[in-house]
Amino acid sequence: MSNIRFVASSESSQPSLSKTDWLDIAVYGELNDDQTALKEEIQPLIQKAVESAVPLRVKVSLVLVGNRITSKIHDFSHLGPDRIFLYDHVSFSDHNLSDIVIALKHFSKEYKPSVILFSSSDFSSLLAETLATELNLSFADHISDFKIQPNKDLSSPREEQQPIFQAVAQSRPQIITVRTETLPIRSVSPRSVGEIILCELPDEIYLRQIEKGSS
């Protein structure tokens, strides 16, 4: 069974910027149910992103979406990302998939990551698929390993998966879910995060809040 998901679209609906405008590697940091910690499969995913980013001289971004998570930032920062992007608002308190997709669409537009990595949990896989559908992009699901070329195109160490990665690499951002159980977990030396960025509330959610307040 193919791991590629593709939403057909016209060329005009694809991101119009050059690939060179999309740089860094982002990891979606799925939180546990009470939003107090990252799920355990995110650590090896961040480590893999850091290993991939160093030779490319790009940054690793951890994207978190939740409510009252800014106060917990020190619980997330030691894992190694260069930047943490926080979408922190009461609107995200119920871990609603459609609202998280809105946040990730906003992140993609504003910060232009070349790659967005998701774990292969049921929720993250559905989130990646929905985001790819919203952006009219291909995505690769349940990948066991990947490489990032100097031009930031994703590729696979396995020859049979190359067609999948070639489809994903045609557009930006490149979206894949990774089977993190296949990635090694290494001890990580604590390091400080270069930037912590509190992101603005996406317009779609902001306007909805205004409508609720006026009703």
C-alpha atoms as a PDB file:
ATOM      1  CA  MET A   1       0.000   0.000   0.000  1.00  0.00           C
ATOM      2  CA  SER A   2       1.359   3.384  -0.928  1.00  0.00           C
ATOM      3  CA  ASN A   3       2.313   5.842   1.778  1.00  0.00           C
ATOM      4  CA  ILE A   4       1.800   8.826  -0.497  1.00  0.00           C
ATOM      5  CA  ARG A   5      -1.276  11.001  -0.199  1.00  0.00           C
ATOM      6  CA  PHE A   6      -1.855  13.555  -2.911  1.00  0.00           C
ATOM      7  CA  VAL A   7      -4.453  16.218  -3.450  1.00  0.00           C
ATOM      8  CA  ALA A   8      -4.636  17.218  -7.100  1.00  0.00           C
ATOM      9  CA  SER A   9      -4.649  20.943  -7.758  1.00  0.00           C
ATOM     10  CA  SER A  10      -3.821  23.493 -10.398  1.00  0.00           C
ATOM     11  CA  GLU A  11      -0.342  24.970 -10.508  1.00  0.00           C
ATOM     12  CA  SER A  12      -1.760  28.340  -9.559  1.00  0.00           C
ATOM     13  CA  SER A  13      -2.883  26.990  -6.184  1.00  0.00           C
ATOM     14  CA  GLN A  14       0.581  25.735  -5.259  1.00  0.00           C
ATOM     15  CA  PRO A  15       2.946  27.927  -3.220  1.00  0.00           C
ATOM     16  CA  SER A  16       4.305  30.498  -5.660  1.00  0.00           C
ATOM     17  CA  LEU A  17       7.570  31.253  -3.886  1.00  0.00           C
ATOM     18  CA  SER A  18      10.839  29.672  -4.921  1.00  0.00           C
ATOM     19  CA  LYS A  19      11.995  26.651  -2.943  1.00  0.00           C
ATOM     20  CA  THR A  20      14.886  28.764  -1.705  1.00  0.00           C
ATOM     21  CA  ASP A  21      12.429  30.938   0.229  1.00  0.00           C
ATOM     22  CA  TRP A  22      11.523  27.946   2.419  1.00  0.00           C
ATOM     23  CA  LEU A  23      14.383  27.113   4.761  1.00  0.00           C
ATOM     24  CA  ASP A  24      14.076  25.529   8.155  1.00  0.00           C
ATOM     25  CA  ILE A  25      12.945  22.194   9.571  1.00  0.00           C
ATOM     26  CA  ALA A  26       9.869  22.299  11.773  1.00  0.00           C
ATOM     27  CA  VAL A  27       8.568  19.641  14.146  1.00  0.00           C
ATOM     28  CA  TYR A  28       4.965  19.605  15.295  1.00  0.00           C
ATOM     29  CA  GLY A  29       5.141  19.008  19.041  1.00  0.00           C
ATOM     30  CA  GLU A  30       2.108  16.927  19.894  1.00  0.00           C
ATOM     31  CA  LEU A  31       1.200  17.466  23.539  1.00  0.00           C
ATOM     32  CA  ASN A  32      -0.260  14.967  25.963  1.00  0.00           C
ATOM     33  CA  ASP A  33      -3.928  15.210  26.844  1.00  0.00           C
ATOM     34  CA  ASP A  34      -3.519  17.727  29.674  1.00  0.00           C
ATOM     35  CA  GLN A  35      -1.036  19.796  27.618  1.00  0.00           C
ATOM     36  CA  THR A  36       1.639  19.626  30.297  1.00  0.00           C
ATOM     37  CA  ALA A  37       4.314  17.768  28.312  1.00  0.00           C
ATOM     38  CA  LEU A  38       5.297  16.579  24.859  1.00  0.00           C
ATOM     39  CA  LYS A  39       4.393  13.043  23.911  1.00  0.00           C
ATOM     40  CA  GLU A  40       7.421  10.787  24.193  1.00  0.00           C
ATOM     41  CA  GLU A  41       7.718  10.156  20.450  1.00  0.00           C
ATOM     42  CA  ILE A  42       8.535  13.836  19.820  1.00  0.00           C
ATOM     43  CA  GLN A  43      12.009  13.655  21.383  1.00  0.00           C
ATOM     44  CA  PRO A  44      13.558  11.337  18.750  1.00  0.00           C
ATOM     45  CA  LEU A  45      11.838  13.376  16.040  1.00  0.00           C
ATOM     46  CA  ILE A  46      13.489  16.588  17.264  1.00  0.00           C
ATOM     47  CA  GLN A  47      16.840  14.807  17.505  1.00  0.00           C
ATOM     48  CA  LYS A  48      16.506  13.589  13.915  1.00  0.00           C
ATOM     49  CA  ALA A  49      15.615  17.124  12.810  1.00  0.00           C
ATOM     50  CA  VAL A  50      18.669  18.562  14.582  1.00  0.00           C
ATOM     51  CA  GLU A  51      20.965  15.968  13.004  1.00  0.00           C
ATOM     52  CA  SER A  52      19.550  16.834   9.579  1.00  0.00           C
ATOM     53  CA  ALA A  53      19.727  20.595  10.115  1.00  0.00           C
ATOM     54  CA  VAL A  54      23.341  20.933  11.242  1.00  0.00           C
ATOM     55  CA  PRO A  55      25.064  20.137   7.896  1.00  0.00           C
ATOM     56  CA  LEU A  56      22.487  22.277   6.059  1.00  0.00           C
ATOM     57  CA  ARG A  57      23.034  25.241   8.400  1.00  0.00           C
ATOM     58  CA  VAL A  58      19.326  25.691   8.948  1.00  0.00           C
ATOM     59  CA  LYS A  59      17.346  25.972  12.159  1.00  0.00           C
ATOM     60  CA  VAL A  60      15.013  23.523  13.850  1.00  0.00           C
ATOM     61  CA  SER A  61      11.671  24.896  14.982  1.00  0.00           C
ATOM     62  CA  LEU A  62       9.347  23.227  17.458  1.00  0.00           C
ATOM     63  CA  VAL A  63       5.716  24.266  16.950  1.00  0.00           C
ATOM     64  CA  LEU A  64       3.396  23.983  19.939  1.00  0.00           C
ATOM     65  CA  VAL A  65      -0.355  24.630  19.903  1.00  0.00           C
ATOM     66  CA  GLY A  66      -2.285  24.687  23.165  1.00  0.00           C
ATOM     67  CA  ASN A  67      -3.619  26.705  26.067  1.00  0.00           C
ATOM     68  CA  ARG A  68      -1.475  28.084  28.923  1.00  0.00           C
ATOM     69  CA  ILE A  69       1.638  26.423  27.533  1.00  0.00           C
ATOM     70  CA  THR A  70       3.890  29.502  27.633  1.00  0.00           C
ATOM     71  CA  SER A  71       4.427  28.993  31.368  1.00  0.00           C
ATOM     72  CA  LYS A  72       5.693  25.467  30.655  1.00  0.00           C
ATOM     73  CA  ILE A  73       8.258  26.511  28.065  1.00  0.00           C
ATOM     74  CA  HIS A  74      11.229  25.293  30.126  1.00  0.00           C
ATOM     75  CA  ASP A  75       9.764  21.791  30.021  1.00  0.00           C
ATOM     76  CA  PHE A  76      10.051  21.822  26.223  1.00  0.00           C
ATOM     77  CA  SER A  77      13.244  23.769  25.547  1.00  0.00           C
ATOM     78  CA  HIS A  78      15.901  21.255  26.642  1.00  0.00           C
ATOM     79  CA  LEU A  79      15.282  18.871  23.739  1.00  0.00           C
ATOM     80  CA  GLY A  80      17.332  20.870  21.252  1.00  0.00           C
ATOM     81  CA  PRO A  81      15.213  23.087  18.953  1.00  0.00           C
ATOM     82  CA  ASP A  82      16.681  26.440  17.929  1.00  0.00           C
ATOM     83  CA  ARG A  83      13.299  28.120  18.119  1.00  0.00           C
ATOM     84  CA  ILE A  84       9.971  27.365  19.747  1.00  0.00           C
ATOM     85  CA  PHE A  85       6.835  28.801  18.173  1.00  0.00           C
ATOM     86  CA  LEU A  86       3.896  29.002  20.569  1.00  0.00           C
ATOM     87  CA  TYR A  87       0.250  29.250  19.607  1.00  0.00           C
ATOM     88  CA  ASP A  88      -1.074  29.741  23.123  1.00  0.00           C
ATOM     89  CA  HIS A  89      -4.739  30.625  23.495  1.00  0.00           C
ATOM     90  CA  VAL A  90      -7.888  29.366  25.165  1.00  0.00           C
ATOM     91  CA  SER A  91      -9.218  28.503  21.687  1.00  0.00           C
ATOM     92  CA  PHE A  92      -6.733  25.622  21.588  1.00  0.00           C
ATOM     93  CA  SER A  93      -7.657  24.213  25.002  1.00  0.00           C
ATOM     94  CA  ASP A  94      -9.710  21.301  23.657  1.00  0.00           C
ATOM     95  CA  HIS A  95      -6.996  20.047  21.263  1.00  0.00           C
ATOM     96  CA  ASN A  96      -9.373  20.437  18.324  1.00  0.00           C
ATOM     97  CA  LEU A  97      -7.832  19.191  15.087  1.00  0.00           C
ATOM     98  CA  SER A  98      -9.363  21.820  12.805  1.00  0.00           C
ATOM     99  CA  ASP A  99      -8.088  24.661  15.007  1.00  0.00           C
ATOM    100  CA  ILE A 100      -4.583  23.209  15.097  1.00  0.00           C
ATOM    101  CA  VAL A 101      -4.664  22.967  11.300  1.00  0.00           C
ATOM    102  CA  ILE A 102      -5.508  26.678  11.177  1.00  0.00           C
ATOM    103  CA  ALA A 103      -2.505  27.423  13.394  1.00  0.00           C
ATOM    104  CA  LEU A 104      -0.169  25.303  11.271  1.00  0.00           C
ATOM    105  CA  LYS A 105      -1.420  26.923   8.075  1.00  0.00           C
ATOM    106  CA  HIS A 106      -0.633  30.291   9.638  1.00  0.00           C
ATOM    107  CA  PHE A 107       2.817  29.050  10.683  1.00  0.00           C
ATOM    108  CA  SER A 108       3.532  27.741   7.176  1.00  0.00           C
ATOM    109  CA  LYS A 109       2.543  31.033   5.555  1.00  0.00           C
ATOM    110  CA  GLU A 110       4.336  33.321   7.989  1.00  0.00           C
ATOM    111  CA  TYR A 111       7.545  31.390   8.703  1.00  0.00           C
ATOM    112  CA  LYS A 112       7.961  29.221   5.585  1.00  0.00           C
ATOM    113  CA  PRO A 113       9.495  25.969   6.849  1.00  0.00           C
ATOM    114  CA  SER A 114      10.953  23.764   4.144  1.00  0.00           C
ATOM    115  CA  VAL A 115       9.889  20.633   6.017  1.00  0.00           C
ATOM    116  CA  ILE A 116       7.280  19.927   8.682  1.00  0.00           C
ATOM    117  CA  LEU A 117       7.760  16.659  10.552  1.00  0.00           C
ATOM    118  CA  PHE A 118       4.964  14.893  12.418  1.00  0.00           C
ATOM    119  CA  SER A 119       5.002  11.751  14.483  1.00  0.00           C
ATOM    120  CA  SER A 120       2.952   8.858  13.144  1.00  0.00           C
ATOM    121  CA  SER A 121       0.466   8.791  16.019  1.00  0.00           C
ATOM    122  CA  ASP A 122      -3.153   8.553  14.918  1.00  0.00           C
ATOM    123  CA  PHE A 123      -3.786  12.206  15.759  1.00  0.00           C
ATOM    124  CA  SER A 124      -0.617  13.571  14.146  1.00  0.00           C
ATOM    125  CA  SER A 125      -1.118  11.476  11.000  1.00  0.00           C
ATOM    126  CA  LEU A 126      -4.654  12.805  10.608  1.00  0.00           C
ATOM    127  CA  LEU A 127      -3.392  16.319  11.317  1.00  0.00           C
ATOM    128  CA  ALA A 128      -0.676  16.025   8.657  1.00  0.00           C
ATOM    129  CA  GLU A 129      -3.145  14.640   6.133  1.00  0.00           C
ATOM    130  CA  THR A 130      -5.653  17.421   6.826  1.00  0.00           C
ATOM    131  CA  LEU A 131      -2.979  20.114   6.617  1.00  0.00           C
ATOM    132  CA  ALA A 132      -1.704  18.709   3.310  1.00  0.00           C
ATOM    133  CA  THR A 133      -5.259  18.673   1.966  1.00  0.00           C
ATOM    134  CA  GLU A 134      -5.821  22.285   3.030  1.00  0.00           C
ATOM    135  CA  LEU A 135      -2.565  23.353   1.351  1.00  0.00           C
ATOM    136  CA  ASN A 136      -3.094  21.195  -1.768  1.00  0.00           C
ATOM    137  CA  LEU A 137       0.144  19.311  -1.183  1.00  0.00           C
ATOM    138  CA  SER A 138       1.380  15.743  -1.313  1.00  0.00           C
ATOM    139  CA  PHE A 139       2.480  14.132   1.923  1.00  0.00           C
ATOM    140  CA  ALA A 140       4.199  10.903   2.898  1.00  0.00           C
ATOM    141  CA  ASP A 141       2.802   8.871   5.782  1.00  0.00           C
ATOM    142  CA  HIS A 142       4.500   6.511   8.278  1.00  0.00           C
ATOM    143  CA  ILE A 143       8.024   6.957   6.904  1.00  0.00           C
ATOM    144  CA  SER A 144      10.726   4.945   8.663  1.00  0.00           C
ATOM    145  CA  ASP A 145      13.640   7.243   7.758  1.00  0.00           C
ATOM    146  CA  PHE A 146      14.507  10.203   5.568  1.00  0.00           C
ATOM    147  CA  LYS A 147      17.329  12.448   4.403  1.00  0.00           C
ATOM    148  CA  ILE A 148      17.346  16.122   3.463  1.00  0.00           C
ATOM    149  CA  GLN A 149      19.405  17.117   0.453  1.00  0.00           C
ATOM    150  CA  PRO A 150      21.479  20.346   0.262  1.00  0.00           C
ATOM    151  CA  ASN A 151      18.626  21.934  -1.732  1.00  0.00           C
ATOM    152  CA  LYS A 152      16.297  21.000   1.187  1.00  0.00           C
ATOM    153  CA  ASP A 153      14.458  18.343  -0.858  1.00  0.00           C
ATOM    154  CA  LEU A 154      13.476  15.282   1.139  1.00  0.00           C
ATOM    155  CA  SER A 155      14.754  11.909  -0.010  1.00  0.00           C
ATOM    156  CA  SER A 156      14.719   8.355   1.273  1.00  0.00           C
ATOM    157  CA  PRO A 157      17.621   5.973   1.925  1.00  0.00           C
ATOM    158  CA  ARG A 158      15.343   3.277   0.480  1.00  0.00           C
ATOM    159  CA  GLU A 159      15.193   3.216  -3.308  1.00  0.00           C
ATOM    160  CA  GLU A 160      11.592   1.970  -3.461  1.00  0.00           C
ATOM    161  CA  GLN A 161      10.395   5.061  -1.602  1.00  0.00           C
ATOM    162  CA  GLN A 162      12.082   7.601  -3.859  1.00  0.00           C
ATOM    163  CA  PRO A 163       8.961   8.213  -6.027  1.00  0.00           C
ATOM    164  CA  ILE A 164       7.034   9.104  -2.879  1.00  0.00           C
ATOM    165  CA  PHE A 165       9.652  11.611  -1.788  1.00  0.00           C
ATOM    166  CA  GLN A 166       9.972  13.078  -5.272  1.00  0.00           C
ATOM    167  CA  ALA A 167       6.265  13.906  -5.240  1.00  0.00           C
ATOM    168  CA  VAL A 168       6.472  15.458  -1.780  1.00  0.00           C
ATOM    169  CA  ALA A 169       9.568  17.484  -2.694  1.00  0.00           C
ATOM    170  CA  GLN A 170       7.847  19.250  -5.594  1.00  0.00           C
ATOM    171  CA  SER A 171       6.248  21.819  -3.275  1.00  0.00           C
ATOM    172  CA  ARG A 172       6.778  23.535   0.047  1.00  0.00           C
ATOM    173  CA  PRO A 173       6.356  22.883   2.860  1.00  0.00           C
ATOM    174  CA  GLN A 174       7.203  19.191   2.606  1.00  0.00           C
ATOM    175  CA  ILE A 175       5.000  17.233   5.002  1.00  0.00           C
ATOM    176  CA  ILE A 176       5.788  13.759   6.324  1.00  0.00           C
ATOM    177  CA  THR A 177       4.893  11.621   9.307  1.00  0.00           C
ATOM    178  CA  VAL A 178       7.727   9.573  10.773  1.00  0.00           C
ATOM    179  CA  ARG A 179       7.601   6.272  12.620  1.00  0.00           C
ATOM    180  CA  THR A 180       9.632   7.462  15.565  1.00  0.00           C
ATOM    181  CA  GLU A 181       9.985   3.969  17.014  1.00  0.00           C
ATOM    182  CA  THR A 182      12.531   3.370  14.238  1.00  0.00           C
ATOM    183  CA  LEU A 183      14.653   6.344  15.336  1.00  0.00           C
ATOM    184  CA  PRO A 184      17.287   5.983  18.070  1.00  0.00           C
ATOM    185  CA  ILE A 185      16.837   7.921  21.307  1.00  0.00           C
ATOM    186  CA  ARG A 186      20.070   9.536  22.480  1.00  0.00           C
ATOM    187  CA  SER A 187      20.858  11.412  25.632  1.00  0.00           C
ATOM    188  CA  VAL A 188      20.582  15.136  25.069  1.00  0.00           C
ATOM    189  CA  SER A 189      22.719  17.750  26.770  1.00  0.00           C
ATOM    190  CA  PRO A 190      20.568  20.636  28.012  1.00  0.00           C
ATOM    191  CA  ARG A 191      20.822  23.703  25.808  1.00  0.00           C
ATOM    192  CA  SER A 192      19.093  27.039  25.769  1.00  0.00           C
ATOM    193  CA  VAL A 193      16.681  27.881  22.988  1.00  0.00           C
ATOM    194  CA  GLY A 194      17.748  30.785  20.799  1.00  0.00           C
ATOM    195  CA  GLU A 195      14.264  32.190  20.344  1.00  0.00           C
ATOM    196  CA  ILE A 196      10.842  31.720  21.859  1.00  0.00           C
ATOM    197  CA  ILE A 197       8.193  33.196  19.583  1.00  0.00           C
ATOM    198  CA  LEU A 198       4.653  33.782  20.787  1.00  0.00           C
ATOM    199  CA  CYS A 199       2.647  33.708  17.562  1.00  0.00           C
ATOM    200  CA  GLU A 200      -0.346  35.891  16.896  1.00  0.00           C
ATOM    201  CA  LEU A 201      -3.768  34.306  16.842  1.00  0.00           C
ATOM    202  CA  PRO A 202      -4.695  33.399  13.241  1.00  0.00           C
ATOM    203  CA  ASP A 203      -7.363  35.687  11.778  1.00  0.00           C
ATOM    204  CA  GLU A 204      -9.869  32.871  11.339  1.00  0.00           C
ATOM    205  CA  ILE A 205      -9.843  32.091  15.049  1.00  0.00           C
ATOM    206  CA  TYR A 206      -9.546  35.736  16.124  1.00  0.00           C
ATOM    207  CA  LEU A 207     -12.657  36.711  14.166  1.00  0.00           C
ATOM    208  CA  ARG A 208     -14.545  33.768  15.612  1.00  0.00           C
ATOM    209  CA  GLN A 209     -13.658  34.964  19.110  1.00  0.00           C
ATOM    210  CA  ILE A 210     -14.973  38.428  18.287  1.00  0.00           C
ATOM    211  CA  GLU A 211     -18.227  36.953  16.983  1.00  0.00           C
ATOM    212  CA  LYS A 212     -18.625  34.920  20.172  1.00  0.00           C
ATOM    213  CA  GLY A 213     -17.980  38.001  22.287  1.00  0.00           C
ATOM    214  CA  SER A 214     -20.615  40.054  20.467  1.00  0.00           C
ATOM    215  CA  SER A 215     -23.304  37.361  20.578  1.00  0.00           C
END
